[in-house]
Amino acid sequence: MSVTRQKQNIVLTGFMGTGKTTVGRLLAEALGFDFVDTDGVIEARNGRSITTIFSEQGEAAFRQMERDLAQELGQKEGLVISTGGRMMLDPENVQALAANGRIFCLVAAPENILLRVQNDEKVMERPLLKGSNPMAKIIALLQERWEQYQQFPQIMTDNKTPEEVLQTIVDVLI
């Protein structure tokens, strides 16, 4: 597989609940790459959850942390990178990660996204989904982000196992 020879990074983006982390871990293992979850790195480096970072430092500070991390990861190779849902909406992050990476956007229907995230307290605590109607918020956010997500090759995750999504990506890479 040419991607393993070159060690070009693979970047998985898309809305929360589309399988970026699950598929990313499987893909990294299959390719012999290291796996990086950008939200996880930011949380570990700051010793706080994304929700706490947002409430204590604000969204602008968090977005700067994402930009700094994108610049850092764009200089490395042999990584499968799972991004936060908004990270690749910033052109600066796209430029940094595309310099040495193939970017794929994982997509799923709003109903499936809600099914996947509704039992995850950490995800449901995010300001984006707090409130009485998380489905309406998911639909509104997907519509808001749709055009920007379209700039990347789309991989549908509905009605597929993580292994099937992995195989779809591997087939594209070969």
N, C-alpha and C. Protein backbone atom coordinates (compact mmCIF):
# COMPACT_ATOMS: atom_id res chain seq x y z
N MET A 1 0.84 -1.18 0.00
CA MET A 1 0.00 0.00 0.00
C MET A 1 0.89 1.24 0.00
N SER A 2 0.69 2.13 -0.93
CA SER A 2 1.58 3.28 -1.08
C SER A 2 1.57 4.20 0.13
N VAL A 3 0.44 4.30 0.81
CA VAL A 3 0.38 5.21 1.95
C VAL A 3 1.33 4.78 3.06
N THR A 4 1.52 3.47 3.26
CA THR A 4 2.41 3.03 4.33
C THR A 4 3.87 3.26 3.97
N ARG A 5 4.20 3.16 2.69
CA ARG A 5 5.58 3.43 2.28
C ARG A 5 5.96 4.87 2.56
N GLN A 6 5.06 5.76 2.23
CA GLN A 6 5.34 7.18 2.40
C GLN A 6 5.07 7.65 3.81
N LYS A 7 4.32 6.93 4.57
CA LYS A 7 3.93 7.31 5.94
C LYS A 7 3.13 8.60 5.95
N GLN A 8 2.43 8.89 4.85
CA GLN A 8 1.57 10.07 4.79
C GLN A 8 0.45 9.89 5.83
N ASN A 9 0.18 10.94 6.58
CA ASN A 9 -0.86 10.88 7.60
C ASN A 9 -2.23 10.67 6.97
N ILE A 10 -3.12 10.07 7.74
CA ILE A 10 -4.52 9.95 7.37
C ILE A 10 -5.29 10.75 8.40
N VAL A 11 -6.11 11.68 7.94
CA VAL A 11 -6.88 12.56 8.82
C VAL A 11 -8.36 12.22 8.66
N LEU A 12 -9.01 11.91 9.78
CA LEU A 12 -10.45 11.63 9.77
C LEU A 12 -11.16 12.80 10.43
N THR A 13 -12.08 13.39 9.69
CA THR A 13 -12.86 14.50 10.22
C THR A 13 -14.33 14.16 10.06
N GLY A 14 -15.18 15.05 10.51
CA GLY A 14 -16.62 14.85 10.45
C GLY A 14 -17.26 15.18 11.78
N PHE A 15 -18.56 15.07 11.80
CA PHE A 15 -19.34 15.40 12.99
C PHE A 15 -19.11 14.36 14.08
N MET A 16 -19.35 14.76 15.33
CA MET A 16 -19.24 13.80 16.43
C MET A 16 -20.18 12.63 16.17
N GLY A 17 -19.77 11.45 16.62
CA GLY A 17 -20.61 10.27 16.48
C GLY A 17 -20.57 9.62 15.11
N THR A 18 -19.66 10.03 14.25
CA THR A 18 -19.57 9.40 12.93
C THR A 18 -18.56 8.26 12.89
N GLY A 19 -17.82 8.07 13.97
CA GLY A 19 -16.90 6.93 14.05
C GLY A 19 -15.44 7.28 13.90
N LYS A 20 -15.10 8.55 13.98
CA LYS A 20 -13.70 8.97 13.74
C LYS A 20 -12.72 8.26 14.67
N THR A 21 -13.02 8.23 15.94
CA THR A 21 -12.09 7.64 16.90
C THR A 21 -12.05 6.12 16.76
N THR A 22 -13.20 5.50 16.69
CA THR A 22 -13.27 4.03 16.58
C THR A 22 -12.57 3.55 15.31
N VAL A 23 -12.93 4.15 14.18
CA VAL A 23 -12.33 3.75 12.90
C VAL A 23 -10.86 4.15 12.87
N GLY A 24 -10.55 5.31 13.43
CA GLY A 24 -9.16 5.78 13.44
C GLY A 24 -8.23 4.81 14.15
N ARG A 25 -8.67 4.30 15.29
CA ARG A 25 -7.84 3.32 16.02
C ARG A 25 -7.62 2.05 15.19
N LEU A 26 -8.68 1.58 14.55
CA LEU A 26 -8.56 0.38 13.70
C LEU A 26 -7.65 0.64 12.51
N LEU A 27 -7.79 1.80 11.90
CA LEU A 27 -6.98 2.14 10.73
C LEU A 27 -5.50 2.26 11.11
N ALA A 28 -5.23 2.89 12.24
CA ALA A 28 -3.84 3.01 12.69
C ALA A 28 -3.23 1.64 12.92
N GLU A 29 -3.98 0.76 13.53
CA GLU A 29 -3.48 -0.59 13.77
C GLU A 29 -3.22 -1.32 12.45
N ALA A 30 -4.15 -1.19 11.51
CA ALA A 30 -4.01 -1.87 10.22
C ALA A 30 -2.81 -1.37 9.43
N LEU A 31 -2.52 -0.07 9.54
CA LEU A 31 -1.42 0.52 8.78
C LEU A 31 -0.09 0.51 9.53
N GLY A 32 -0.13 0.19 10.82
CA GLY A 32 1.08 0.27 11.63
C GLY A 32 1.45 1.72 11.94
N PHE A 33 0.45 2.58 11.99
CA PHE A 33 0.63 4.00 12.29
C PHE A 33 0.30 4.25 13.76
N ASP A 34 0.66 5.42 14.25
CA ASP A 34 0.24 5.86 15.58
C ASP A 34 -1.11 6.55 15.44
N PHE A 35 -1.95 6.42 16.48
CA PHE A 35 -3.26 7.06 16.48
C PHE A 35 -3.22 8.30 17.36
N VAL A 36 -3.80 9.39 16.85
CA VAL A 36 -3.88 10.65 17.60
C VAL A 36 -5.32 11.15 17.56
N ASP A 37 -5.91 11.35 18.72
CA ASP A 37 -7.22 11.98 18.84
C ASP A 37 -6.96 13.42 19.29
N THR A 38 -7.25 14.40 18.43
CA THR A 38 -6.86 15.77 18.75
C THR A 38 -7.53 16.29 20.02
N ASP A 39 -8.80 15.98 20.22
CA ASP A 39 -9.46 16.41 21.46
C ASP A 39 -8.79 15.77 22.67
N GLY A 40 -8.44 14.50 22.56
CA GLY A 40 -7.76 13.80 23.65
C GLY A 40 -6.41 14.41 23.98
N VAL A 41 -5.65 14.79 22.95
CA VAL A 41 -4.34 15.42 23.17
C VAL A 41 -4.52 16.75 23.88
N ILE A 42 -5.48 17.54 23.43
CA ILE A 42 -5.71 18.85 24.05
C ILE A 42 -6.15 18.67 25.51
N GLU A 43 -7.02 17.72 25.77
CA GLU A 43 -7.44 17.46 27.15
C GLU A 43 -6.26 17.03 28.02
N ALA A 44 -5.45 16.11 27.50
CA ALA A 44 -4.30 15.60 28.27
C ALA A 44 -3.29 16.72 28.55
N ARG A 45 -3.01 17.53 27.57
CA ARG A 45 -2.02 18.61 27.75
C ARG A 45 -2.50 19.67 28.74
N ASN A 46 -3.82 19.84 28.82
CA ASN A 46 -4.37 20.88 29.69
C ASN A 46 -4.90 20.33 31.02
N GLY A 47 -4.96 19.00 31.12
CA GLY A 47 -5.45 18.40 32.35
C GLY A 47 -6.92 18.72 32.63
N ARG A 48 -7.66 19.02 31.57
CA ARG A 48 -9.07 19.37 31.70
C ARG A 48 -9.85 18.89 30.49
N SER A 49 -11.15 18.72 30.68
CA SER A 49 -12.01 18.32 29.58
C SER A 49 -12.21 19.49 28.61
N ILE A 50 -12.66 19.17 27.42
CA ILE A 50 -12.96 20.20 26.43
C ILE A 50 -14.03 21.15 27.00
N THR A 51 -15.04 20.59 27.65
CA THR A 51 -16.10 21.41 28.24
C THR A 51 -15.53 22.40 29.25
N THR A 52 -14.60 21.93 30.08
CA THR A 52 -13.99 22.82 31.08
C THR A 52 -13.11 23.88 30.42
N ILE A 53 -12.36 23.48 29.40
CA ILE A 53 -11.53 24.45 28.67
C ILE A 53 -12.43 25.55 28.09
N PHE A 54 -13.55 25.15 27.47
CA PHE A 54 -14.48 26.12 26.90
C PHE A 54 -14.99 27.07 27.98
N SER A 55 -15.40 26.51 29.13
CA SER A 55 -16.02 27.36 30.16
C SER A 55 -15.00 28.25 30.86
N GLU A 56 -13.76 27.76 31.02
CA GLU A 56 -12.76 28.54 31.75
C GLU A 56 -11.94 29.48 30.86
N GLN A 57 -11.67 29.05 29.62
CA GLN A 57 -10.80 29.85 28.75
C GLN A 57 -11.51 30.39 27.51
N GLY A 58 -12.65 29.81 27.18
CA GLY A 58 -13.42 30.26 26.04
C GLY A 58 -13.09 29.51 24.76
N GLU A 59 -13.99 29.66 23.81
CA GLU A 59 -13.84 28.95 22.54
C GLU A 59 -12.61 29.41 21.76
N ALA A 60 -12.32 30.71 21.80
CA ALA A 60 -11.17 31.23 21.03
C ALA A 60 -9.87 30.59 21.49
N ALA A 61 -9.71 30.40 22.79
CA ALA A 61 -8.50 29.76 23.31
C ALA A 61 -8.43 28.30 22.86
N PHE A 62 -9.57 27.62 22.90
CA PHE A 62 -9.59 26.22 22.46
C PHE A 62 -9.25 26.12 20.97
N ARG A 63 -9.80 27.00 20.15
CA ARG A 63 -9.52 26.96 18.70
C ARG A 63 -8.04 27.23 18.43
N GLN A 64 -7.42 28.08 19.24
CA GLN A 64 -5.98 28.32 19.07
C GLN A 64 -5.20 27.07 19.44
N MET A 65 -5.63 26.35 20.46
CA MET A 65 -4.99 25.08 20.82
C MET A 65 -5.09 24.10 19.65
N GLU A 66 -6.24 24.07 18.99
CA GLU A 66 -6.41 23.21 17.82
C GLU A 66 -5.45 23.62 16.70
N ARG A 67 -5.33 24.91 16.44
CA ARG A 67 -4.44 25.38 15.38
C ARG A 67 -2.99 25.02 15.68
N ASP A 68 -2.58 25.22 16.93
CA ASP A 68 -1.21 24.88 17.32
C ASP A 68 -0.96 23.38 17.14
N LEU A 69 -1.94 22.57 17.53
CA LEU A 69 -1.79 21.12 17.39
C LEU A 69 -1.78 20.71 15.92
N ALA A 70 -2.60 21.32 15.10
CA ALA A 70 -2.61 21.01 13.66
C ALA A 70 -1.25 21.31 13.04
N GLN A 71 -0.65 22.44 13.41
CA GLN A 71 0.68 22.79 12.90
C GLN A 71 1.69 21.72 13.32
N GLU A 72 1.62 21.30 14.56
CA GLU A 72 2.55 20.29 15.08
C GLU A 72 2.38 18.95 14.38
N LEU A 73 1.14 18.50 14.26
CA LEU A 73 0.88 17.19 13.65
C LEU A 73 1.18 17.19 12.16
N GLY A 74 1.00 18.33 11.50
CA GLY A 74 1.29 18.43 10.08
C GLY A 74 2.76 18.25 9.76
N GLN A 75 3.62 18.38 10.75
CA GLN A 75 5.06 18.19 10.58
C GLN A 75 5.48 16.74 10.78
N LYS A 76 4.55 15.90 11.24
CA LYS A 76 4.88 14.50 11.54
C LYS A 76 4.38 13.60 10.43
N GLU A 77 4.74 12.33 10.53
CA GLU A 77 4.26 11.36 9.55
C GLU A 77 3.93 10.06 10.25
N GLY A 78 3.19 9.22 9.53
CA GLY A 78 2.83 7.92 10.09
C GLY A 78 1.75 7.99 11.15
N LEU A 79 0.84 8.95 11.01
CA LEU A 79 -0.23 9.13 11.99
C LEU A 79 -1.60 8.94 11.35
N VAL A 80 -2.52 8.39 12.14
CA VAL A 80 -3.94 8.49 11.83
C VAL A 80 -4.48 9.48 12.84
N ILE A 81 -5.04 10.57 12.35
CA ILE A 81 -5.47 11.67 13.19
C ILE A 81 -6.99 11.78 13.16
N SER A 82 -7.61 11.68 14.32
CA SER A 82 -9.04 11.90 14.47
C SER A 82 -9.22 13.31 15.01
N THR A 83 -9.91 14.15 14.24
CA THR A 83 -10.05 15.55 14.64
C THR A 83 -11.35 15.79 15.38
N GLY A 84 -11.39 16.89 16.12
CA GLY A 84 -12.65 17.35 16.68
C GLY A 84 -13.57 17.75 15.53
N GLY A 85 -14.86 17.75 15.78
CA GLY A 85 -15.84 17.97 14.72
C GLY A 85 -15.75 19.30 13.99
N ARG A 86 -15.20 20.33 14.64
CA ARG A 86 -15.07 21.64 13.99
C ARG A 86 -13.65 21.95 13.55
N MET A 87 -12.71 21.12 13.92
CA MET A 87 -11.31 21.44 13.67
C MET A 87 -11.01 21.71 12.19
N MET A 88 -11.57 20.91 11.32
CA MET A 88 -11.24 21.05 9.90
C MET A 88 -12.14 22.07 9.19
N LEU A 89 -12.93 22.81 9.96
CA LEU A 89 -13.67 23.93 9.40
C LEU A 89 -12.80 25.17 9.33
N ASP A 90 -11.66 25.11 10.01
CA ASP A 90 -10.69 26.21 10.01
C ASP A 90 -9.69 25.98 8.88
N PRO A 91 -9.66 26.86 7.88
CA PRO A 91 -8.76 26.66 6.73
C PRO A 91 -7.29 26.52 7.13
N GLU A 92 -6.89 27.17 8.19
CA GLU A 92 -5.51 27.06 8.66
C GLU A 92 -5.19 25.62 9.09
N ASN A 93 -6.14 24.98 9.75
CA ASN A 93 -5.95 23.59 10.16
C ASN A 93 -5.94 22.65 8.95
N VAL A 94 -6.81 22.93 8.00
CA VAL A 94 -6.85 22.12 6.78
C VAL A 94 -5.50 22.20 6.07
N GLN A 95 -4.99 23.40 5.92
CA GLN A 95 -3.71 23.59 5.24
C GLN A 95 -2.59 22.84 5.97
N ALA A 96 -2.56 22.95 7.28
CA ALA A 96 -1.49 22.31 8.06
C ALA A 96 -1.55 20.80 7.95
N LEU A 97 -2.75 20.23 8.06
CA LEU A 97 -2.87 18.77 8.07
C LEU A 97 -2.86 18.18 6.66
N ALA A 98 -3.27 18.94 5.67
CA ALA A 98 -3.26 18.44 4.29
C ALA A 98 -1.85 18.43 3.71
N ALA A 99 -0.94 19.19 4.32
CA ALA A 99 0.44 19.26 3.81
C ALA A 99 1.09 17.88 3.77
N ASN A 100 0.77 17.03 4.72
CA ASN A 100 1.33 15.68 4.76
C ASN A 100 0.24 14.68 5.14
N GLY A 101 -0.97 14.89 4.60
CA GLY A 101 -2.04 13.98 4.97
C GLY A 101 -3.14 13.88 3.95
N ARG A 102 -3.79 12.74 3.96
CA ARG A 102 -5.01 12.50 3.18
C ARG A 102 -6.17 12.67 4.13
N ILE A 103 -7.13 13.49 3.76
CA ILE A 103 -8.25 13.80 4.64
C ILE A 103 -9.51 13.12 4.14
N PHE A 104 -10.22 12.48 5.07
CA PHE A 104 -11.51 11.85 4.78
C PHE A 104 -12.52 12.37 5.79
N CYS A 105 -13.74 12.60 5.33
CA CYS A 105 -14.82 13.04 6.20
C CYS A 105 -15.79 11.88 6.40
N LEU A 106 -15.92 11.44 7.65
CA LEU A 106 -16.88 10.39 7.97
C LEU A 106 -18.24 11.04 8.20
N VAL A 107 -19.27 10.46 7.60
CA VAL A 107 -20.61 11.04 7.69
C VAL A 107 -21.61 9.97 8.14
N ALA A 108 -22.68 10.45 8.76
CA ALA A 108 -23.77 9.58 9.21
C ALA A 108 -25.05 10.41 9.28
N ALA A 109 -26.18 9.74 9.21
CA ALA A 109 -27.47 10.42 9.34
C ALA A 109 -27.63 10.95 10.76
N PRO A 110 -28.35 12.06 10.92
CA PRO A 110 -28.54 12.64 12.25
C PRO A 110 -29.08 11.64 13.28
N GLU A 111 -30.00 10.78 12.86
CA GLU A 111 -30.59 9.79 13.78
C GLU A 111 -29.52 8.84 14.31
N ASN A 112 -28.62 8.43 13.44
CA ASN A 112 -27.55 7.53 13.85
C ASN A 112 -26.53 8.23 14.74
N ILE A 113 -26.26 9.49 14.45
CA ILE A 113 -25.36 10.26 15.30
C ILE A 113 -25.92 10.33 16.71
N LEU A 114 -27.20 10.68 16.82
CA LEU A 114 -27.82 10.77 18.15
C LEU A 114 -27.79 9.43 18.87
N LEU A 115 -28.10 8.35 18.16
CA LEU A 115 -28.05 7.01 18.77
C LEU A 115 -26.65 6.70 19.30
N ARG A 116 -25.64 7.09 18.55
CA ARG A 116 -24.26 6.79 18.94
C ARG A 116 -23.78 7.62 20.12
N VAL A 117 -24.25 8.86 20.25
CA VAL A 117 -23.71 9.74 21.29
C VAL A 117 -24.60 9.88 22.53
N GLN A 118 -25.86 9.48 22.44
CA GLN A 118 -26.79 9.78 23.53
C GLN A 118 -26.44 9.09 24.84
N ASN A 119 -25.72 8.00 24.82
CA ASN A 119 -25.34 7.33 26.06
C ASN A 119 -23.95 7.72 26.55
N ASP A 120 -23.33 8.66 25.86
CA ASP A 120 -22.01 9.13 26.24
C ASP A 120 -22.16 10.45 26.99
N GLU A 121 -22.11 10.38 28.32
CA GLU A 121 -22.33 11.58 29.15
C GLU A 121 -21.36 12.70 28.80
N LYS A 122 -20.12 12.34 28.51
CA LYS A 122 -19.11 13.35 28.18
C LYS A 122 -19.52 14.13 26.93
N VAL A 123 -20.03 13.43 25.94
CA VAL A 123 -20.45 14.09 24.70
C VAL A 123 -21.72 14.90 24.93
N MET A 124 -22.68 14.33 25.65
CA MET A 124 -23.96 15.01 25.85
C MET A 124 -23.82 16.25 26.74
N GLU A 125 -22.72 16.37 27.45
CA GLU A 125 -22.47 17.55 28.28
C GLU A 125 -21.91 18.72 27.47
N ARG A 126 -21.50 18.46 26.25
CA ARG A 126 -20.95 19.54 25.44
C ARG A 126 -22.01 20.60 25.21
N PRO A 127 -21.60 21.85 25.25
CA PRO A 127 -22.56 22.94 25.05
C PRO A 127 -23.36 22.80 23.75
N LEU A 128 -22.75 22.20 22.73
CA LEU A 128 -23.44 22.06 21.45
C LEU A 128 -24.69 21.21 21.54
N LEU A 129 -24.72 20.25 22.48
CA LEU A 129 -25.86 19.33 22.55
C LEU A 129 -26.72 19.49 23.79
N LYS A 130 -26.31 20.35 24.71
CA LYS A 130 -27.11 20.55 25.92
C LYS A 130 -28.46 21.13 25.55
N GLY A 131 -29.48 20.72 26.29
CA GLY A 131 -30.81 21.28 26.05
C GLY A 131 -31.82 20.18 25.83
N SER A 132 -33.01 20.62 25.51
CA SER A 132 -34.14 19.69 25.44
C SER A 132 -34.26 18.96 24.11
N ASN A 133 -33.61 19.46 23.06
CA ASN A 133 -33.79 18.83 21.76
C ASN A 133 -32.45 18.65 21.04
N PRO A 134 -31.65 17.66 21.48
CA PRO A 134 -30.35 17.47 20.83
C PRO A 134 -30.46 17.11 19.35
N MET A 135 -31.53 16.43 18.93
CA MET A 135 -31.67 16.09 17.51
C MET A 135 -31.76 17.36 16.66
N ALA A 136 -32.53 18.32 17.09
CA ALA A 136 -32.65 19.57 16.34
C ALA A 136 -31.30 20.27 16.26
N LYS A 137 -30.52 20.21 17.34
CA LYS A 137 -29.19 20.83 17.34
C LYS A 137 -28.25 20.10 16.39
N ILE A 138 -28.31 18.77 16.38
CA ILE A 138 -27.47 17.99 15.47
C ILE A 138 -27.79 18.35 14.02
N ILE A 139 -29.08 18.39 13.69
CA ILE A 139 -29.49 18.71 12.32
C ILE A 139 -29.03 20.11 11.94
N ALA A 140 -29.21 21.08 12.83
CA ALA A 140 -28.81 22.46 12.54
C ALA A 140 -27.30 22.56 12.34
N LEU A 141 -26.54 21.89 13.19
CA LEU A 141 -25.07 21.94 13.07
C LEU A 141 -24.59 21.25 11.81
N LEU A 142 -25.20 20.11 11.46
CA LEU A 142 -24.82 19.43 10.22
C LEU A 142 -25.10 20.32 9.01
N GLN A 143 -26.24 20.99 9.01
CA GLN A 143 -26.56 21.89 7.90
C GLN A 143 -25.56 23.05 7.84
N GLU A 144 -25.19 23.55 8.99
CA GLU A 144 -24.24 24.67 9.06
C GLU A 144 -22.85 24.26 8.54
N ARG A 145 -22.46 23.04 8.81
CA ARG A 145 -21.11 22.57 8.46
C ARG A 145 -21.03 21.83 7.12
N TRP A 146 -22.18 21.49 6.55
CA TRP A 146 -22.24 20.60 5.40
C TRP A 146 -21.34 21.05 4.25
N GLU A 147 -21.42 22.31 3.89
CA GLU A 147 -20.64 22.80 2.75
C GLU A 147 -19.14 22.63 2.99
N GLN A 148 -18.69 22.92 4.19
CA GLN A 148 -17.27 22.79 4.48
C GLN A 148 -16.85 21.32 4.54
N TYR A 149 -17.70 20.45 5.10
CA TYR A 149 -17.37 19.03 5.12
C TYR A 149 -17.27 18.46 3.70
N GLN A 150 -18.00 19.04 2.75
CA GLN A 150 -18.03 18.54 1.38
C GLN A 150 -16.71 18.69 0.65
N GLN A 151 -15.80 19.49 1.17
CA GLN A 151 -14.51 19.66 0.48
C GLN A 151 -13.63 18.42 0.60
N PHE A 152 -14.03 17.49 1.46
CA PHE A 152 -13.23 16.27 1.68
C PHE A 152 -13.98 15.05 1.15
N PRO A 153 -13.25 14.01 0.72
CA PRO A 153 -13.92 12.77 0.31
C PRO A 153 -14.79 12.24 1.46
N GLN A 154 -16.02 11.85 1.11
CA GLN A 154 -17.01 11.41 2.10
C GLN A 154 -17.00 9.89 2.25
N ILE A 155 -17.04 9.44 3.49
CA ILE A 155 -17.16 8.01 3.78
C ILE A 155 -18.40 7.84 4.67
N MET A 156 -19.44 7.23 4.11
CA MET A 156 -20.68 7.02 4.86
C MET A 156 -20.49 5.88 5.86
N THR A 157 -20.90 6.12 7.11
CA THR A 157 -20.73 5.11 8.16
C THR A 157 -22.05 4.46 8.58
N ASP A 158 -23.16 4.96 8.04
CA ASP A 158 -24.46 4.36 8.39
C ASP A 158 -24.51 2.90 7.95
N ASN A 159 -25.08 2.07 8.80
CA ASN A 159 -25.30 0.64 8.50
C ASN A 159 -24.01 -0.10 8.13
N LYS A 160 -22.89 0.38 8.65
CA LYS A 160 -21.61 -0.29 8.43
C LYS A 160 -20.93 -0.51 9.78
N THR A 161 -20.24 -1.61 9.89
CA THR A 161 -19.43 -1.83 11.08
C THR A 161 -18.17 -0.98 10.97
N PRO A 162 -17.51 -0.72 12.07
CA PRO A 162 -16.23 0.00 11.98
C PRO A 162 -15.24 -0.69 11.03
N GLU A 163 -15.26 -2.01 11.02
CA GLU A 163 -14.36 -2.77 10.14
C GLU A 163 -14.70 -2.54 8.66
N GLU A 164 -15.99 -2.41 8.35
CA GLU A 164 -16.40 -2.12 6.97
C GLU A 164 -15.98 -0.71 6.55
N VAL A 165 -16.10 0.24 7.46
CA VAL A 165 -15.65 1.60 7.17
C VAL A 165 -14.13 1.61 6.96
N LEU A 166 -13.43 0.89 7.82
CA LEU A 166 -11.98 0.74 7.67
C LEU A 166 -11.64 0.22 6.28
N GLN A 167 -12.32 -0.84 5.86
CA GLN A 167 -12.03 -1.43 4.55
C GLN A 167 -12.30 -0.45 3.42
N THR A 168 -13.34 0.36 3.54
CA THR A 168 -13.64 1.38 2.53
C THR A 168 -12.47 2.35 2.40
N ILE A 169 -11.94 2.79 3.54
CA ILE A 169 -10.81 3.74 3.50
C ILE A 169 -9.57 3.07 2.92
N VAL A 170 -9.29 1.85 3.35
CA VAL A 170 -8.12 1.11 2.84
C VAL A 170 -8.23 0.93 1.33
N ASP A 171 -9.43 0.60 0.85
CA ASP A 171 -9.63 0.44 -0.60
C ASP A 171 -9.31 1.72 -1.36
N VAL A 172 -9.64 2.86 -0.79
CA VAL A 172 -9.33 4.15 -1.43
C VAL A 172 -7.82 4.40 -1.42
N LEU A 173 -7.16 3.98 -0.35
CA LEU A 173 -5.73 4.24 -0.21
C LEU A 173 -4.86 3.37 -1.11
N ILE A 174 -5.36 2.22 -1.48
CA ILE A 174 -4.55 1.28 -2.27
C ILE A 174 -4.40 1.76 -3.70
